[in-house]
Protein backbone atom coordinates (compact mmCIF):
# COMPACT_ATOMS: atom_id res chain seq x y z
CA UNK A 1 105.91 109.04 129.97
CA UNK A 2 103.83 110.50 127.15
CA UNK A 3 102.07 108.03 124.93
CA UNK A 4 103.51 108.22 121.40
CA UNK A 5 101.54 105.32 119.96
CA UNK A 6 99.38 105.95 116.92
CA UNK A 7 96.31 104.32 115.44
CA UNK A 8 96.05 104.41 111.65
CA UNK A 9 92.51 104.35 110.24
CA UNK A 10 91.81 104.13 106.52
CA UNK A 11 88.51 105.71 105.55
CA UNK A 12 88.55 107.49 108.90
CA UNK A 13 87.01 110.77 107.77
CA UNK A 14 83.39 109.61 108.10
CA UNK A 15 81.06 106.77 109.07
CA UNK A 16 82.44 103.78 110.92
CA UNK A 17 86.04 104.89 110.38
CA UNK A 18 85.30 108.19 112.10
CA UNK A 19 83.75 106.30 115.02
CA UNK A 20 86.88 104.14 115.33
CA UNK A 21 89.07 107.25 115.30
CA UNK A 22 87.20 108.94 118.15
CA UNK A 23 87.06 105.77 120.26
CA UNK A 24 90.78 105.08 119.84
CA UNK A 25 91.57 108.70 120.70
CA UNK A 26 89.53 108.26 123.89
CA UNK A 27 91.83 105.33 124.70
CA UNK A 28 94.82 107.67 124.44
CA UNK A 29 96.04 106.82 120.94
CA UNK A 30 97.22 109.55 118.63
CA UNK A 31 95.37 109.35 115.34
CA UNK A 32 96.42 109.14 111.69
CA UNK A 33 93.49 109.28 109.26
CA UNK A 34 93.93 108.26 105.64
CA UNK A 35 91.21 108.85 103.04
CA UNK A 36 90.43 110.69 99.82
CA UNK A 37 88.20 113.27 101.55
CA UNK A 38 90.40 116.25 102.33
CA UNK A 39 87.71 118.31 104.05
CA UNK A 40 86.51 115.30 106.03
CA UNK A 41 90.06 114.44 107.06
CA UNK A 42 90.73 117.93 108.37
CA UNK A 43 87.37 118.28 110.08
CA UNK A 44 87.57 114.91 111.84
CA UNK A 45 91.20 115.42 112.89
CA UNK A 46 90.40 118.85 114.31
CA UNK A 47 87.35 117.60 116.23
CA UNK A 48 89.27 114.64 117.69
CA UNK A 49 92.16 116.85 118.79
CA UNK A 50 89.81 119.35 120.44
CA UNK A 51 87.74 116.70 122.21
CA UNK A 52 90.38 114.15 123.22
CA UNK A 53 93.58 116.18 123.44
CA UNK A 54 95.64 113.80 121.32
CA UNK A 55 97.79 114.46 118.29
CA UNK A 56 95.93 114.02 115.01
CA UNK A 57 97.30 113.78 111.49
CA UNK A 58 95.71 113.08 108.13
CA UNK A 59 96.86 111.95 104.72
CA UNK A 60 94.92 112.70 101.55
CA UNK A 61 95.33 109.57 99.42
CA UNK A 62 93.35 107.55 96.90
CA UNK A 63 93.45 104.09 98.45
CA UNK A 64 92.60 102.43 95.16
CA UNK A 65 96.08 103.30 93.88
CA UNK A 66 99.08 101.07 94.55
CA UNK A 67 101.23 104.16 95.12
CA UNK A 68 99.25 104.92 98.28
CA UNK A 69 101.00 102.06 100.12
CA UNK A 70 104.46 103.55 99.54
CA UNK A 71 103.10 106.99 100.42
CA UNK A 72 101.86 105.72 103.79
CA UNK A 73 104.97 103.73 104.70
CA UNK A 74 107.18 106.60 103.56
CA UNK A 75 105.24 109.04 105.74
CA UNK A 76 105.48 106.73 108.78
CA UNK A 77 109.25 106.40 108.31
CA UNK A 78 109.77 110.13 107.76
CA UNK A 79 107.73 111.13 110.82
CA UNK A 80 108.97 108.16 112.92
CA UNK A 81 105.42 107.23 113.92
CA UNK A 82 104.82 104.11 115.99
CA UNK A 83 101.64 102.46 114.69
CA UNK A 84 100.21 100.09 117.29
CA UNK A 85 96.69 99.82 115.82
CA UNK A 86 95.75 99.53 112.15
CA UNK A 87 92.05 99.80 111.25
CA UNK A 88 91.64 98.59 107.66
CA UNK A 89 88.26 100.20 107.05
CA UNK A 90 88.08 102.01 103.69
CA UNK A 91 85.48 100.50 101.39
CA UNK A 92 83.14 101.14 98.50
CA UNK A 93 80.01 99.55 97.13
CA UNK A 94 78.45 99.57 93.69
CA UNK A 95 74.90 98.20 93.65
CA UNK A 96 73.56 96.64 90.46
CA UNK A 97 74.06 93.80 88.03
CA UNK A 98 77.59 92.55 87.53
CA UNK A 99 77.53 93.03 83.75
CA UNK A 100 76.00 96.48 84.18
CA UNK A 101 78.81 97.65 86.46
CA UNK A 102 81.59 99.60 84.66
CA UNK A 103 84.89 97.76 84.55
CA UNK A 104 86.61 100.74 86.19
CA UNK A 105 84.30 100.45 89.22
CA UNK A 106 85.09 96.74 89.53
CA UNK A 107 88.81 97.44 89.37
CA UNK A 108 88.54 100.07 92.09
CA UNK A 109 86.57 97.73 94.38
CA UNK A 110 89.14 94.96 93.90
CA UNK A 111 92.07 97.30 94.54
CA UNK A 112 90.46 98.94 97.57
CA UNK A 113 89.26 95.71 99.22
CA UNK A 114 92.00 93.27 98.18
CA UNK A 115 95.21 94.67 96.77
CA UNK A 116 95.77 97.67 99.05
CA UNK A 117 94.69 95.96 102.32
CA UNK A 118 96.98 93.02 101.57
CA UNK A 119 100.00 95.25 100.97
CA UNK A 120 99.22 97.54 103.91
CA UNK A 121 98.68 94.63 106.29
CA UNK A 122 102.06 93.23 105.28
CA UNK A 123 103.90 96.53 105.77
CA UNK A 124 102.25 97.29 109.09
CA UNK A 125 102.64 93.74 110.38
CA UNK A 126 106.37 94.03 109.68
CA UNK A 127 106.51 97.27 111.67
CA UNK A 128 104.47 95.77 114.52
CA UNK A 129 106.71 92.71 114.60
CA UNK A 130 109.70 95.02 114.95
CA UNK A 131 107.98 96.92 117.77
CA UNK A 132 106.93 93.68 119.50
CA UNK A 133 103.19 94.37 119.60
CA UNK A 134 100.24 95.44 117.49
CA UNK A 135 96.61 95.11 116.51
CA UNK A 136 95.07 94.82 113.04
CA UNK A 137 91.30 95.15 112.55
CA UNK A 138 89.99 94.25 109.10
CA UNK A 139 86.51 95.39 108.13
CA UNK A 140 84.83 92.66 106.12
CA UNK A 141 81.04 92.31 105.81
CA UNK A 142 78.16 89.98 106.59
CA UNK A 143 77.94 89.51 102.81
CA UNK A 144 81.35 87.78 102.89
CA UNK A 145 79.76 84.52 103.96
CA UNK A 146 78.16 83.70 100.62
CA UNK A 147 77.97 84.89 96.99
CA UNK A 148 75.56 87.83 96.96
CA UNK A 149 73.74 88.69 93.70
CA UNK A 150 73.53 92.40 92.82
CA UNK A 151 76.68 93.24 94.83
CA UNK A 152 78.81 90.43 93.45
CA UNK A 153 82.20 92.17 93.49
CA UNK A 154 81.58 93.67 96.92
CA UNK A 155 80.67 90.36 98.58
CA UNK A 156 83.47 88.51 96.77
CA UNK A 157 86.14 90.98 97.86
CA UNK A 158 84.79 91.04 101.40
CA UNK A 159 85.10 87.24 101.32
CA UNK A 160 88.75 87.72 100.41
CA UNK A 161 89.20 89.95 103.46
CA UNK A 162 87.55 87.32 105.63
CA UNK A 163 90.04 84.68 104.53
CA UNK A 164 92.98 87.08 104.71
CA UNK A 165 92.14 88.06 108.28
CA UNK A 166 91.69 84.47 109.39
CA UNK A 167 95.04 83.44 107.92
CA UNK A 168 96.83 86.43 109.47
CA UNK A 169 95.24 85.74 112.86
CA UNK A 170 96.87 82.32 113.04
CA UNK A 171 100.11 83.43 111.43
CA UNK A 172 100.72 86.45 113.69
CA UNK A 173 99.17 85.48 117.02
CA UNK A 174 102.45 84.10 118.40
CA UNK A 175 104.17 87.39 117.57
CA UNK A 176 101.96 89.52 119.83
CA UNK A 177 100.01 90.87 116.85
CA UNK A 178 96.25 90.48 117.16
CA UNK A 179 94.13 90.30 114.00
CA UNK A 180 90.35 90.63 114.14
CA UNK A 181 87.88 90.51 111.25
CA UNK A 182 84.59 92.40 111.66
CA UNK A 183 81.46 91.39 109.75
CA UNK A 184 78.85 94.16 110.02
CA UNK A 185 75.44 94.15 108.42
CA UNK A 186 73.59 97.45 108.07
CA UNK A 187 75.24 100.25 110.07
CA UNK A 188 73.75 103.72 110.51
CA UNK A 189 76.09 105.81 108.35
CA UNK A 190 75.70 108.01 105.23
CA UNK A 191 76.59 104.82 103.30
CA UNK A 192 72.83 104.08 103.20
CA UNK A 193 70.43 106.44 101.44
CA UNK A 194 67.34 105.96 103.59
CA UNK A 195 64.66 108.38 104.70
CA UNK A 196 64.62 109.17 108.42
CA UNK A 197 61.47 107.17 109.06
CA UNK A 198 62.93 103.97 107.61
CA UNK A 199 66.29 104.59 109.32
CA UNK A 200 64.68 104.99 112.75
CA UNK A 201 62.55 101.92 112.20
CA UNK A 202 65.55 99.75 111.29
CA UNK A 203 67.44 101.05 114.32
CA UNK A 204 64.48 100.35 116.60
CA UNK A 205 64.24 96.80 115.30
CA UNK A 206 68.04 96.38 115.68
CA UNK A 207 68.35 95.49 112.00
CA UNK A 208 70.57 98.54 111.60
CA UNK A 209 73.09 99.38 114.33
CA UNK A 210 74.62 102.74 115.36
CA UNK A 211 78.19 103.19 114.14
CA UNK A 212 79.54 104.09 117.59
CA UNK A 213 78.01 100.99 119.16
CA UNK A 214 79.41 98.70 116.48
CA UNK A 215 82.87 100.28 116.57
CA UNK A 216 83.07 100.10 120.38
CA UNK A 217 82.20 96.39 120.39
CA UNK A 218 84.61 95.69 117.53
CA UNK A 219 87.48 97.39 119.35
CA UNK A 220 86.71 95.37 122.46
CA UNK A 221 87.03 92.19 120.39
CA UNK A 222 90.26 93.51 118.84
CA UNK A 223 91.96 94.25 122.15
CA UNK A 224 90.89 90.85 123.47
CA UNK A 225 92.61 89.39 120.39
CA UNK A 226 89.51 87.61 119.15
CA UNK A 227 89.64 86.38 115.54
CA UNK A 228 86.22 87.74 114.55
CA UNK A 229 83.32 89.90 115.61
CA UNK A 230 79.79 89.80 114.15
CA UNK A 231 77.75 92.73 115.53
CA UNK A 232 74.14 92.30 116.57
CA UNK A 233 71.80 89.35 116.91
CA UNK A 234 70.13 90.02 113.56
CA UNK A 235 73.44 89.99 111.70
CA UNK A 236 74.56 86.84 113.54
CA UNK A 237 71.35 85.10 112.44
CA UNK A 238 71.83 86.32 108.86
CA UNK A 239 75.41 85.08 108.75
CA UNK A 240 74.33 81.71 110.15
CA UNK A 241 71.61 81.38 107.51
CA UNK A 242 73.91 82.54 104.72
CA UNK A 243 76.42 79.87 105.68
CA UNK A 244 73.74 77.20 105.23
CA UNK A 245 71.42 78.43 102.49
CA UNK A 246 72.11 78.26 98.72
CA UNK A 247 72.40 81.50 96.79
CA UNK A 248 69.03 80.98 95.10
CA UNK A 249 67.32 81.28 98.48
CA UNK A 250 68.32 84.96 98.55
CA UNK A 251 66.78 85.87 95.21
CA UNK A 252 63.16 86.33 96.42
CA UNK A 253 64.39 88.49 99.30
CA UNK A 254 66.42 90.73 97.01
CA UNK A 255 63.30 91.49 94.98
CA UNK A 256 61.61 93.12 97.97
CA UNK A 257 61.36 96.89 97.54
CA UNK A 258 62.51 97.65 101.09
CA UNK A 259 65.56 95.45 100.71
CA UNK A 260 66.46 97.08 97.41
CA UNK A 261 66.09 100.51 99.01
CA UNK A 262 68.42 99.44 101.80
CA UNK A 263 71.21 98.63 99.33
CA UNK A 264 70.42 101.13 96.54
CA UNK A 265 73.25 103.57 97.19
CA UNK A 266 75.57 105.41 94.79
CA UNK A 267 79.09 104.31 93.99
CA UNK A 268 81.23 105.98 96.68
CA UNK A 269 84.69 105.56 98.12
CA UNK A 270 85.56 106.16 101.77
C-alpha cells in the first residue's frame, strides 16, 4: 500500500527546515513546505521530489499572520492530506538592544514564535488525535533557558516554546502523539553571517554543528518520543551553565567581538 502520510515543515525552504524536509522524505514521508520564500519553496520541493521520489507540495504564506493558520488547515482539508509529522521550525531573530528594536519587529517575533505555533499545534494535534498517531517537533533554542540580553524577545519567545512543548508532551503522550522540543545552539546555516574561516573553525571545534547532523539527531529523538533534544556537547554545557548562572554573568561574554559577530545577523524570517 502506498504511503500517503505527509510531514509539514514550516520554514522548510532553507536551513534546518530544509534539512528536516530531506530527511523526512528519505523516510518515505511526502512533504508539505510552508514559508514566505516562494523561490526557495519551489526549489526545495523540486529537489526533494527528484532525489527521494516522494510527493512534494509548498504553500507560500507569511507565518507571522494569524490568517496563515486557517490557510494551512483549509488546504489540508481541501486536499485531504494526512499529516503525521509537524515540524514547527520557522523563526526569526533581531539582534540589538530591546529599546532599539522596532515595535513591528517585536510583534513579528512574538507572532511567529508564540501565537502561530500555539494555534498550529492545536489544529494539528486535533487532526493527529483523530488519526490515532502523530509527531510534533518544536524548534526552541539554547537561549530559552535564561533571559538573554541583546536578543531579549528571541530568547523570551523561545522560552515560551520550551514550556509549550513540555506541557504538550505530557498532555498528548497518552494519545499516541509524541512532542519533542529541540534546543540548538549555533547551527551552520545562512542564519549566521560569518566568513568561511570563522565558520570552519567553529565547526571544527564543534561549537557550530552542521544542519543535517542536528536535524538527523533531532528526528531520532522525535521518533523515540523523547521530550527534548539538546544537540552537541558544547550546547549541553552552555544550557547547563545558563540554568545555573545569573544573567549578569553573560554580560562580559556578550562584549567579546567574536561572540557579537556570531549573533550579528540581519532581521530575517524563515
